Amino acid sequence: MAKGDESGEKSKLYVLKPLVEHWPAIKKPKGHVHFRQKILWTGICLIMYYVLTQVLLYGVNPETLDMFAGYRAIIAGASGSIMHLGIGPIVTGSIIMQLFV
């Protein structure tokens, strides 16, 4: 048994309980998720990924020097596509939205 359990003291982490209750969490599915539904969502994600790798950024000339040629081999995207931006725009957009709210 732990030291706190023997004396009847609660852990100091119980102070954080009200805060932890408000943290977002992923809920368990109410029932069995069918294989067809899993395949559907996987297909939707793959289609979105394919579209984002083919849409070029505004103002980027596709004939310019391709500095990301090695990177394109990994993500299978076109030169200057939205996927080249990475997670940066998502983080920046999230920060800006939080500042506006």
PDB file of N, CA and C in Angstrom:
ATOM      1  N   MET A   1       0.838  -1.190   0.000  1.00  0.00           N
ATOM      2  CA  MET A   1       0.000   0.000   0.000  1.00  0.00           C
ATOM      3  C   MET A   1       0.876   1.244   0.000  1.00  0.00           C
ATOM      4  N   ALA A   2       0.340   2.276  -0.535  1.00  0.00           N
ATOM      5  CA  ALA A   2       1.090   3.529  -0.589  1.00  0.00           C
ATOM      6  C   ALA A   2       1.044   4.217   0.765  1.00  0.00           C
ATOM      7  N   LYS A   3       1.959   5.122   0.968  1.00  0.00           N
ATOM      8  CA  LYS A   3       2.071   5.821   2.247  1.00  0.00           C
ATOM      9  C   LYS A   3       0.794   6.597   2.576  1.00  0.00           C
ATOM     10  N   GLY A   4       0.207   7.230   1.585  1.00  0.00           N
ATOM     11  CA  GLY A   4      -1.002   8.013   1.823  1.00  0.00           C
ATOM     12  C   GLY A   4      -2.200   7.140   2.160  1.00  0.00           C
ATOM     13  N   ASP A   5      -2.212   5.884   1.649  1.00  0.00           N
ATOM     14  CA  ASP A   5      -3.332   4.993   1.906  1.00  0.00           C
ATOM     15  C   ASP A   5      -3.351   4.511   3.352  1.00  0.00           C
ATOM     16  N   GLU A   6      -2.187   4.348   3.964  1.00  0.00           N
ATOM     17  CA  GLU A   6      -2.119   3.841   5.325  1.00  0.00           C
ATOM     18  C   GLU A   6      -2.657   4.855   6.326  1.00  0.00           C
ATOM     19  N   SER A   7      -2.371   6.119   6.115  1.00  0.00           N
ATOM     20  CA  SER A   7      -2.794   7.133   7.079  1.00  0.00           C
ATOM     21  C   SER A   7      -4.169   7.709   6.746  1.00  0.00           C
ATOM     22  N   GLY A   8      -4.761   7.275   5.637  1.00  0.00           N
ATOM     23  CA  GLY A   8      -6.073   7.775   5.269  1.00  0.00           C
ATOM     24  C   GLY A   8      -6.034   9.101   4.533  1.00  0.00           C
ATOM     25  N   GLU A   9      -4.857   9.612   4.222  1.00  0.00           N
ATOM     26  CA  GLU A   9      -4.735  10.876   3.502  1.00  0.00           C
ATOM     27  C   GLU A   9      -4.971  10.654   2.016  1.00  0.00           C
ATOM     28  N   LYS A  10      -5.592  11.646   1.392  1.00  0.00           N
ATOM     29  CA  LYS A  10      -5.778  11.585  -0.052  1.00  0.00           C
ATOM     30  C   LYS A  10      -4.538  12.124  -0.741  1.00  0.00           C
ATOM     31  N   SER A  11      -4.366  11.712  -1.958  1.00  0.00           N
ATOM     32  CA  SER A  11      -3.241  12.192  -2.753  1.00  0.00           C
ATOM     33  C   SER A  11      -3.403  13.679  -3.035  1.00  0.00           C
ATOM     34  N   LYS A  12      -2.292  14.346  -3.230  1.00  0.00           N
ATOM     35  CA  LYS A  12      -2.323  15.776  -3.546  1.00  0.00           C
ATOM     36  C   LYS A  12      -2.907  16.028  -4.931  1.00  0.00           C
ATOM     37  N   LEU A  13      -2.982  14.994  -5.735  1.00  0.00           N
ATOM     38  CA  LEU A  13      -3.532  15.142  -7.081  1.00  0.00           C
ATOM     39  C   LEU A  13      -5.044  15.368  -7.072  1.00  0.00           C
ATOM     40  N   TYR A  14      -5.715  15.070  -5.965  1.00  0.00           N
ATOM     41  CA  TYR A  14      -7.153  15.306  -5.885  1.00  0.00           C
ATOM     42  C   TYR A  14      -7.488  16.792  -5.970  1.00  0.00           C
ATOM     43  N   VAL A  15      -6.516  17.646  -5.762  1.00  0.00           N
ATOM     44  CA  VAL A  15      -6.722  19.087  -5.902  1.00  0.00           C
ATOM     45  C   VAL A  15      -7.058  19.420  -7.359  1.00  0.00           C
ATOM     46  N   LEU A  16      -6.520  18.644  -8.284  1.00  0.00           N
ATOM     47  CA  LEU A  16      -6.735  18.887  -9.710  1.00  0.00           C
ATOM     48  C   LEU A  16      -8.037  18.298 -10.240  1.00  0.00           C
ATOM     49  N   LYS A  17      -8.786  17.558  -9.422  1.00  0.00           N
ATOM     50  CA  LYS A  17      -9.980  16.871  -9.894  1.00  0.00           C
ATOM     51  C   LYS A  17     -11.006  17.810 -10.529  1.00  0.00           C
ATOM     52  N   PRO A  18     -11.331  18.977  -9.951  1.00  0.00           N
ATOM     53  CA  PRO A  18     -12.300  19.857 -10.614  1.00  0.00           C
ATOM     54  C   PRO A  18     -11.823  20.336 -11.985  1.00  0.00           C
ATOM     55  N   LEU A  19     -10.534  20.531 -12.121  1.00  0.00           N
ATOM     56  CA  LEU A  19      -9.991  20.967 -13.406  1.00  0.00           C
ATOM     57  C   LEU A  19     -10.042  19.835 -14.426  1.00  0.00           C
ATOM     58  N   VAL A  20      -9.689  18.639 -14.011  1.00  0.00           N
ATOM     59  CA  VAL A  20      -9.640  17.495 -14.916  1.00  0.00           C
ATOM     60  C   VAL A  20     -11.034  17.143 -15.431  1.00  0.00           C
ATOM     61  N   GLU A  21     -12.062  17.366 -14.632  1.00  0.00           N
ATOM     62  CA  GLU A  21     -13.423  17.044 -15.059  1.00  0.00           C
ATOM     63  C   GLU A  21     -13.871  17.890 -16.238  1.00  0.00           C
ATOM     64  N   HIS A  22     -13.255  19.043 -16.457  1.00  0.00           N
ATOM     65  CA  HIS A  22     -13.636  19.924 -17.564  1.00  0.00           C
ATOM     66  C   HIS A  22     -12.761  19.740 -18.796  1.00  0.00           C
ATOM     67  N   TRP A  23     -11.747  18.894 -18.728  1.00  0.00           N
ATOM     68  CA  TRP A  23     -10.892  18.639 -19.883  1.00  0.00           C
ATOM     69  C   TRP A  23     -11.678  17.865 -20.933  1.00  0.00           C
ATOM     70  N   PRO A  24     -11.427  18.145 -22.195  1.00  0.00           N
ATOM     71  CA  PRO A  24     -12.114  17.369 -23.231  1.00  0.00           C
ATOM     72  C   PRO A  24     -11.592  15.937 -23.259  1.00  0.00           C
ATOM     73  N   ALA A  25     -12.472  15.028 -23.549  1.00  0.00           N
ATOM     74  CA  ALA A  25     -12.092  13.624 -23.610  1.00  0.00           C
ATOM     75  C   ALA A  25     -12.859  12.955 -24.740  1.00  0.00           C
ATOM     76  N   ILE A  26     -12.300  11.899 -25.253  1.00  0.00           N
ATOM     77  CA  ILE A  26     -12.964  11.136 -26.304  1.00  0.00           C
ATOM     78  C   ILE A  26     -13.923  10.167 -25.640  1.00  0.00           C
ATOM     79  N   LYS A  27     -15.167  10.212 -26.086  1.00  0.00           N
ATOM     80  CA  LYS A  27     -16.177   9.325 -25.516  1.00  0.00           C
ATOM     81  C   LYS A  27     -16.128   7.968 -26.208  1.00  0.00           C
ATOM     82  N   LYS A  28     -16.431   6.936 -25.454  1.00  0.00           N
ATOM     83  CA  LYS A  28     -16.499   5.602 -26.033  1.00  0.00           C
ATOM     84  C   LYS A  28     -17.732   5.516 -26.928  1.00  0.00           C
ATOM     85  N   PRO A  29     -17.665   4.720 -27.994  1.00  0.00           N
ATOM     86  CA  PRO A  29     -18.845   4.567 -28.842  1.00  0.00           C
ATOM     87  C   PRO A  29     -19.983   3.917 -28.064  1.00  0.00           C
ATOM     88  N   LYS A  30     -21.202   4.301 -28.403  1.00  0.00           N
ATOM     89  CA  LYS A  30     -22.362   3.744 -27.699  1.00  0.00           C
ATOM     90  C   LYS A  30     -22.591   2.287 -28.058  1.00  0.00           C
ATOM     91  N   GLY A  31     -22.119   1.904 -29.213  1.00  0.00           N
ATOM     92  CA  GLY A  31     -22.270   0.523 -29.655  1.00  0.00           C
ATOM     93  C   GLY A  31     -21.083   0.118 -30.499  1.00  0.00           C
ATOM     94  N   HIS A  32     -21.211  -1.013 -31.130  1.00  0.00           N
ATOM     95  CA  HIS A  32     -20.142  -1.518 -31.989  1.00  0.00           C
ATOM     96  C   HIS A  32     -20.056  -0.664 -33.250  1.00  0.00           C
ATOM     97  N   VAL A  33     -18.856  -0.271 -33.610  1.00  0.00           N
ATOM     98  CA  VAL A  33     -18.642   0.481 -34.841  1.00  0.00           C
ATOM     99  C   VAL A  33     -18.385  -0.538 -35.946  1.00  0.00           C
ATOM    100  N   HIS A  34     -19.265  -0.536 -36.940  1.00  0.00           N
ATOM    101  CA  HIS A  34     -19.182  -1.531 -38.000  1.00  0.00           C
ATOM    102  C   HIS A  34     -17.988  -1.274 -38.912  1.00  0.00           C
ATOM    103  N   PHE A  35     -17.523  -2.350 -39.506  1.00  0.00           N
ATOM    104  CA  PHE A  35     -16.361  -2.282 -40.387  1.00  0.00           C
ATOM    105  C   PHE A  35     -16.625  -1.364 -41.576  1.00  0.00           C
ATOM    106  N   ARG A  36     -17.851  -1.386 -42.110  1.00  0.00           N
ATOM    107  CA  ARG A  36     -18.191  -0.517 -43.246  1.00  0.00           C
ATOM    108  C   ARG A  36     -18.039   0.956 -42.877  1.00  0.00           C
ATOM    109  N   GLN A  37     -18.425   1.316 -41.669  1.00  0.00           N
ATOM    110  CA  GLN A  37     -18.301   2.709 -41.238  1.00  0.00           C
ATOM    111  C   GLN A  37     -16.829   3.092 -41.078  1.00  0.00           C
ATOM    112  N   LYS A  38     -16.017   2.188 -40.581  1.00  0.00           N
ATOM    113  CA  LYS A  38     -14.583   2.456 -40.457  1.00  0.00           C
ATOM    114  C   LYS A  38     -13.954   2.654 -41.833  1.00  0.00           C
ATOM    115  N   ILE A  39     -14.334   1.801 -42.781  1.00  0.00           N
ATOM    116  CA  ILE A  39     -13.815   1.923 -44.147  1.00  0.00           C
ATOM    117  C   ILE A  39     -14.281   3.231 -44.773  1.00  0.00           C
ATOM    118  N   LEU A  40     -15.527   3.628 -44.522  1.00  0.00           N
ATOM    119  CA  LEU A  40     -16.059   4.881 -45.068  1.00  0.00           C
ATOM    120  C   LEU A  40     -15.235   6.070 -44.584  1.00  0.00           C
ATOM    121  N   TRP A  41     -14.987   6.159 -43.282  1.00  0.00           N
ATOM    122  CA  TRP A  41     -14.225   7.286 -42.735  1.00  0.00           C
ATOM    123  C   TRP A  41     -12.768   7.248 -43.190  1.00  0.00           C
ATOM    124  N   THR A  42     -12.205   6.063 -43.322  1.00  0.00           N
ATOM    125  CA  THR A  42     -10.840   5.953 -43.842  1.00  0.00           C
ATOM    126  C   THR A  42     -10.779   6.453 -45.275  1.00  0.00           C
ATOM    127  N   GLY A  43     -11.769   6.093 -46.077  1.00  0.00           N
ATOM    128  CA  GLY A  43     -11.827   6.561 -47.460  1.00  0.00           C
ATOM    129  C   GLY A  43     -11.982   8.064 -47.555  1.00  0.00           C
ATOM    130  N   ILE A  44     -12.831   8.635 -46.705  1.00  0.00           N
ATOM    131  CA  ILE A  44     -13.019  10.089 -46.691  1.00  0.00           C
ATOM    132  C   ILE A  44     -11.705  10.789 -46.350  1.00  0.00           C
ATOM    133  N   CYS A  45     -10.989  10.275 -45.361  1.00  0.00           N
ATOM    134  CA  CYS A  45      -9.698  10.875 -44.982  1.00  0.00           C
ATOM    135  C   CYS A  45      -8.686  10.767 -46.111  1.00  0.00           C
ATOM    136  N   LEU A  46      -8.658   9.639 -46.801  1.00  0.00           N
ATOM    137  CA  LEU A  46      -7.719   9.473 -47.909  1.00  0.00           C
ATOM    138  C   LEU A  46      -8.050  10.405 -49.070  1.00  0.00           C
ATOM    139  N   ILE A  47      -9.338  10.580 -49.355  1.00  0.00           N
ATOM    140  CA  ILE A  47      -9.743  11.498 -50.424  1.00  0.00           C
ATOM    141  C   ILE A  47      -9.361  12.928 -50.063  1.00  0.00           C
ATOM    142  N   MET A  48      -9.616  13.326 -48.820  1.00  0.00           N
ATOM    143  CA  MET A  48      -9.231  14.673 -48.392  1.00  0.00           C
ATOM    144  C   MET A  48      -7.719  14.863 -48.499  1.00  0.00           C
ATOM    145  N   TYR A  49      -6.957  13.857 -48.097  1.00  0.00           N
ATOM    146  CA  TYR A  49      -5.499  13.945 -48.182  1.00  0.00           C
ATOM    147  C   TYR A  49      -5.064  14.103 -49.634  1.00  0.00           C
ATOM    148  N   TYR A  50      -5.669  13.317 -50.525  1.00  0.00           N
ATOM    149  CA  TYR A  50      -5.303  13.406 -51.936  1.00  0.00           C
ATOM    150  C   TYR A  50      -5.622  14.795 -52.490  1.00  0.00           C
ATOM    151  N   VAL A  51      -6.782  15.326 -52.160  1.00  0.00           N
ATOM    152  CA  VAL A  51      -7.162  16.658 -52.647  1.00  0.00           C
ATOM    153  C   VAL A  51      -6.195  17.710 -52.117  1.00  0.00           C
ATOM    154  N   LEU A  52      -5.856  17.649 -50.843  1.00  0.00           N
ATOM    155  CA  LEU A  52      -4.962  18.647 -50.260  1.00  0.00           C
ATOM    156  C   LEU A  52      -3.540  18.555 -50.810  1.00  0.00           C
ATOM    157  N   THR A  53      -3.136  17.386 -51.264  1.00  0.00           N
ATOM    158  CA  THR A  53      -1.800  17.284 -51.852  1.00  0.00           C
ATOM    159  C   THR A  53      -1.772  17.782 -53.287  1.00  0.00           C
ATOM    160  N   GLN A  54      -2.932  17.954 -53.911  1.00  0.00           N
ATOM    161  CA  GLN A  54      -2.976  18.394 -55.306  1.00  0.00           C
ATOM    162  C   GLN A  54      -3.342  19.865 -55.467  1.00  0.00           C
ATOM    163  N   VAL A  55      -3.933  20.490 -54.461  1.00  0.00           N
ATOM    164  CA  VAL A  55      -4.330  21.898 -54.544  1.00  0.00           C
ATOM    165  C   VAL A  55      -3.101  22.764 -54.300  1.00  0.00           C
ATOM    166  N   LEU A  56      -2.777  23.600 -55.276  1.00  0.00           N
ATOM    167  CA  LEU A  56      -1.607  24.459 -55.145  1.00  0.00           C
ATOM    168  C   LEU A  56      -1.938  25.703 -54.340  1.00  0.00           C
ATOM    169  N   LEU A  57      -0.950  26.222 -53.671  1.00  0.00           N
ATOM    170  CA  LEU A  57      -1.109  27.442 -52.899  1.00  0.00           C
ATOM    171  C   LEU A  57      -1.218  28.635 -53.832  1.00  0.00           C
ATOM    172  N   TYR A  58      -1.970  29.631 -53.409  1.00  0.00           N
ATOM    173  CA  TYR A  58      -2.137  30.838 -54.200  1.00  0.00           C
ATOM    174  C   TYR A  58      -0.808  31.586 -54.276  1.00  0.00           C
ATOM    175  N   GLY A  59      -0.414  31.947 -55.479  1.00  0.00           N
ATOM    176  CA  GLY A  59       0.803  32.716 -55.665  1.00  0.00           C
ATOM    177  C   GLY A  59       2.059  31.892 -55.863  1.00  0.00           C
ATOM    178  N   VAL A  60       1.958  30.573 -55.772  1.00  0.00           N
ATOM    179  CA  VAL A  60       3.133  29.724 -55.958  1.00  0.00           C
ATOM    180  C   VAL A  60       3.183  29.285 -57.418  1.00  0.00           C
ATOM    181  N   ASN A  61       4.286  29.553 -58.065  1.00  0.00           N
ATOM    182  CA  ASN A  61       4.473  29.149 -59.451  1.00  0.00           C
ATOM    183  C   ASN A  61       5.018  27.726 -59.465  1.00  0.00           C
ATOM    184  N   PRO A  62       4.306  26.770 -60.064  1.00  0.00           N
ATOM    185  CA  PRO A  62       4.772  25.378 -60.043  1.00  0.00           C
ATOM    186  C   PRO A  62       6.070  25.150 -60.813  1.00  0.00           C
ATOM    187  N   GLU A  63       6.448  26.075 -61.682  1.00  0.00           N
ATOM    188  CA  GLU A  63       7.673  25.904 -62.460  1.00  0.00           C
ATOM    189  C   GLU A  63       8.917  26.408 -61.725  1.00  0.00           C
ATOM    190  N   THR A  64       8.762  26.994 -60.557  1.00  0.00           N
ATOM    191  CA  THR A  64       9.916  27.508 -59.818  1.00  0.00           C
ATOM    192  C   THR A  64      10.742  26.362 -59.252  1.00  0.00           C
ATOM    193  N   LEU A  65      11.894  26.711 -58.710  1.00  0.00           N
ATOM    194  CA  LEU A  65      12.792  25.714 -58.138  1.00  0.00           C
ATOM    195  C   LEU A  65      12.081  24.953 -57.018  1.00  0.00           C
ATOM    196  N   ASP A  66      12.133  23.633 -57.091  1.00  0.00           N
ATOM    197  CA  ASP A  66      11.441  22.791 -56.113  1.00  0.00           C
ATOM    198  C   ASP A  66      12.394  22.451 -54.971  1.00  0.00           C
ATOM    199  N   MET A  67      12.277  23.197 -53.869  1.00  0.00           N
ATOM    200  CA  MET A  67      13.147  22.956 -52.716  1.00  0.00           C
ATOM    201  C   MET A  67      12.676  21.759 -51.893  1.00  0.00           C
ATOM    202  N   PHE A  68      11.434  21.339 -52.076  1.00  0.00           N
ATOM    203  CA  PHE A  68      10.869  20.271 -51.259  1.00  0.00           C
ATOM    204  C   PHE A  68      10.762  18.955 -52.027  1.00  0.00           C
ATOM    205  N   ALA A  69      11.627  18.722 -52.989  1.00  0.00           N
ATOM    206  CA  ALA A  69      11.529  17.508 -53.805  1.00  0.00           C
ATOM    207  C   ALA A  69      11.652  16.247 -52.945  1.00  0.00           C
ATOM    208  N   GLY A  70      12.586  16.230 -52.015  1.00  0.00           N
ATOM    209  CA  GLY A  70      12.732  15.068 -51.142  1.00  0.00           C
ATOM    210  C   GLY A  70      11.555  14.895 -50.208  1.00  0.00           C
ATOM    211  N   TYR A  71      11.010  15.998 -49.755  1.00  0.00           N
ATOM    212  CA  TYR A  71       9.854  15.954 -48.860  1.00  0.00           C
ATOM    213  C   TYR A  71       8.617  15.458 -49.606  1.00  0.00           C
ATOM    214  N   ARG A  72       8.486  15.840 -50.873  1.00  0.00           N
ATOM    215  CA  ARG A  72       7.340  15.400 -51.664  1.00  0.00           C
ATOM    216  C   ARG A  72       7.325  13.892 -51.823  1.00  0.00           C
ATOM    217  N   ALA A  73       8.488  13.272 -51.842  1.00  0.00           N
ATOM    218  CA  ALA A  73       8.542  11.818 -51.965  1.00  0.00           C
ATOM    219  C   ALA A  73       7.914  11.146 -50.749  1.00  0.00           C
ATOM    220  N   ILE A  74       7.969  11.799 -49.614  1.00  0.00           N
ATOM    221  CA  ILE A  74       7.405  11.225 -48.390  1.00  0.00           C
ATOM    222  C   ILE A  74       5.898  11.432 -48.339  1.00  0.00           C
ATOM    223  N   ILE A  75       5.422  12.649 -48.627  1.00  0.00           N
ATOM    224  CA  ILE A  75       3.990  12.926 -48.496  1.00  0.00           C
ATOM    225  C   ILE A  75       3.223  12.742 -49.795  1.00  0.00           C
ATOM    226  N   ALA A  76       3.905  12.475 -50.901  1.00  0.00           N
ATOM    227  CA  ALA A  76       3.278  12.219 -52.194  1.00  0.00           C
ATOM    228  C   ALA A  76       2.395  13.375 -52.628  1.00  0.00           C
ATOM    229  N   GLY A  77       2.876  14.575 -52.473  1.00  0.00           N
ATOM    230  CA  GLY A  77       2.099  15.746 -52.863  1.00  0.00           C
ATOM    231  C   GLY A  77       2.762  16.513 -53.981  1.00  0.00           C
ATOM    232  N   ALA A  78       1.989  17.372 -54.605  1.00  0.00           N
ATOM    233  CA  ALA A  78       2.521  18.214 -55.669  1.00  0.00           C
ATOM    234  C   ALA A  78       3.346  19.340 -55.056  1.00  0.00           C
ATOM    235  N   SER A  79       4.230  19.885 -55.846  1.00  0.00           N
ATOM    236  CA  SER A  79       5.076  20.978 -55.378  1.00  0.00           C
ATOM    237  C   SER A  79       4.232  22.209 -55.090  1.00  0.00           C
ATOM    238  N   GLY A  80       4.373  22.782 -53.901  1.00  0.00           N
ATOM    239  CA  GLY A  80       3.624  23.980 -53.525  1.00  0.00           C
ATOM    240  C   GLY A  80       2.192  23.706 -53.128  1.00  0.00           C
ATOM    241  N   SER A  81       1.874  22.489 -52.729  1.00  0.00           N
ATOM    242  CA  SER A  81       0.493  22.164 -52.356  1.00  0.00           C
ATOM    243  C   SER A  81       0.210  22.572 -50.913  1.00  0.00           C
ATOM    244  N   ILE A  82      -1.043  22.460 -50.532  1.00  0.00           N
ATOM    245  CA  ILE A  82      -1.464  22.817 -49.174  1.00  0.00           C
ATOM    246  C   ILE A  82      -0.755  21.946 -48.137  1.00  0.00           C
ATOM    247  N   MET A  83      -0.473  20.696 -48.471  1.00  0.00           N
ATOM    248  CA  MET A  83       0.165  19.789 -47.520  1.00  0.00           C
ATOM    249  C   MET A  83       1.595  20.208 -47.200  1.00  0.00           C
ATOM    250  N   HIS A  84       2.225  21.013 -48.053  1.00  0.00           N
ATOM    251  CA  HIS A  84       3.573  21.498 -47.748  1.00  0.00           C
ATOM    252  C   HIS A  84       3.576  22.449 -46.564  1.00  0.00           C
ATOM    253  N   LEU A  85       2.440  23.042 -46.274  1.00  0.00           N
ATOM    254  CA  LEU A  85       2.373  23.970 -45.148  1.00  0.00           C
ATOM    255  C   LEU A  85       2.493  23.250 -43.809  1.00  0.00           C
ATOM    256  N   GLY A  86       2.091  21.996 -43.757  1.00  0.00           N
ATOM    257  CA  GLY A  86       2.191  21.227 -42.524  1.00  0.00           C
ATOM    258  C   GLY A  86       1.155  21.660 -41.496  1.00  0.00           C
ATOM    259  N   ILE A  87       1.502  21.544 -40.238  1.00  0.00           N
ATOM    260  CA  ILE A  87       0.574  21.838 -39.154  1.00  0.00           C
ATOM    261  C   ILE A  87       0.596  23.311 -38.760  1.00  0.00           C
ATOM    262  N   GLY A  88       1.524  24.067 -39.292  1.00  0.00           N
ATOM    263  CA  GLY A  88       1.657  25.484 -38.941  1.00  0.00           C
ATOM    264  C   GLY A  88       0.385  26.297 -39.089  1.00  0.00           C
ATOM    265  N   PRO A  89      -0.318  26.237 -40.226  1.00  0.00           N
ATOM    266  CA  PRO A  89      -1.546  27.025 -40.367  1.00  0.00           C
ATOM    267  C   PRO A  89      -2.639  26.622 -39.379  1.00  0.00           C
ATOM    268  N   ILE A  90      -2.681  25.350 -39.017  1.00  0.00           N
ATOM    269  CA  ILE A  90      -3.687  24.901 -38.054  1.00  0.00           C
ATOM    270  C   ILE A  90      -3.415  25.526 -36.692  1.00  0.00           C
ATOM    271  N   VAL A  91      -2.172  25.500 -36.265  1.00  0.00           N
ATOM    272  CA  VAL A  91      -1.804  26.069 -34.968  1.00  0.00           C
ATOM    273  C   VAL A  91      -2.008  27.581 -34.977  1.00  0.00           C
ATOM    274  N   THR A  92      -1.563  28.240 -36.042  1.00  0.00           N
ATOM    275  CA  THR A  92      -1.719  29.690 -36.132  1.00  0.00           C
ATOM    276  C   THR A  92      -3.191  30.078 -36.148  1.00  0.00           C
ATOM    277  N   GLY A  93      -3.990  29.366 -36.927  1.00  0.00           N
ATOM    278  CA  GLY A  93      -5.424  29.642 -36.975  1.00  0.00           C
ATOM    279  C   GLY A  93      -6.092  29.439 -35.625  1.00  0.00           C
ATOM    280  N   SER A  94      -5.686  28.406 -34.911  1.00  0.00           N
ATOM    281  CA  SER A  94      -6.242  28.149 -33.585  1.00  0.00           C
ATOM    282  C   SER A  94      -5.900  29.276 -32.617  1.00  0.00           C
ATOM    283  N   ILE A  95      -4.667  29.748 -32.660  1.00  0.00           N
ATOM    284  CA  ILE A  95      -4.261  30.843 -31.775  1.00  0.00           C
ATOM    285  C   ILE A  95      -5.035  32.107 -32.104  1.00  0.00           C
ATOM    286  N   ILE A  96      -5.171  32.417 -33.384  1.00  0.00           N
ATOM    287  CA  ILE A  96      -5.905  33.622 -33.790  1.00  0.00           C
ATOM    288  C   ILE A  96      -7.365  33.531 -33.375  1.00  0.00           C
ATOM    289  N   MET A  97      -7.991  32.370 -33.570  1.00  0.00           N
ATOM    290  CA  MET A  97      -9.399  32.208 -33.180  1.00  0.00           C
ATOM    291  C   MET A  97      -9.568  32.365 -31.670  1.00  0.00           C
ATOM    292  N   GLN A  98      -8.628  31.851 -30.884  1.00  0.00           N
ATOM    293  CA  GLN A  98      -8.721  31.988 -29.438  1.00  0.00           C
ATOM    294  C   GLN A  98      -8.539  33.435 -29.011  1.00  0.00           C
ATOM    295  N   LEU A  99      -7.721  34.179 -29.733  1.00  0.00           N
ATOM    296  CA  LEU A  99      -7.545  35.592 -29.408  1.00  0.00           C
ATOM    297  C   LEU A  99      -8.795  36.403 -29.746  1.00  0.00           C
ATOM    298  N   PHE A 100      -9.504  36.029 -30.799  1.00  0.00           N
ATOM    299  CA  PHE A 100     -10.702  36.752 -31.201  1.00  0.00           C
ATOM    300  C   PHE A 100     -11.893  36.469 -30.290  1.00  0.00           C
ATOM    301  N   VAL A 101     -11.910  35.315 -29.658  1.00  0.00           N
ATOM    302  CA  VAL A 101     -13.079  34.937 -28.839  1.00  0.00           C
ATOM    303  C   VAL A 101     -13.028  35.580 -27.491  1.00  0.00           C
TER     304      VAL A 101
END
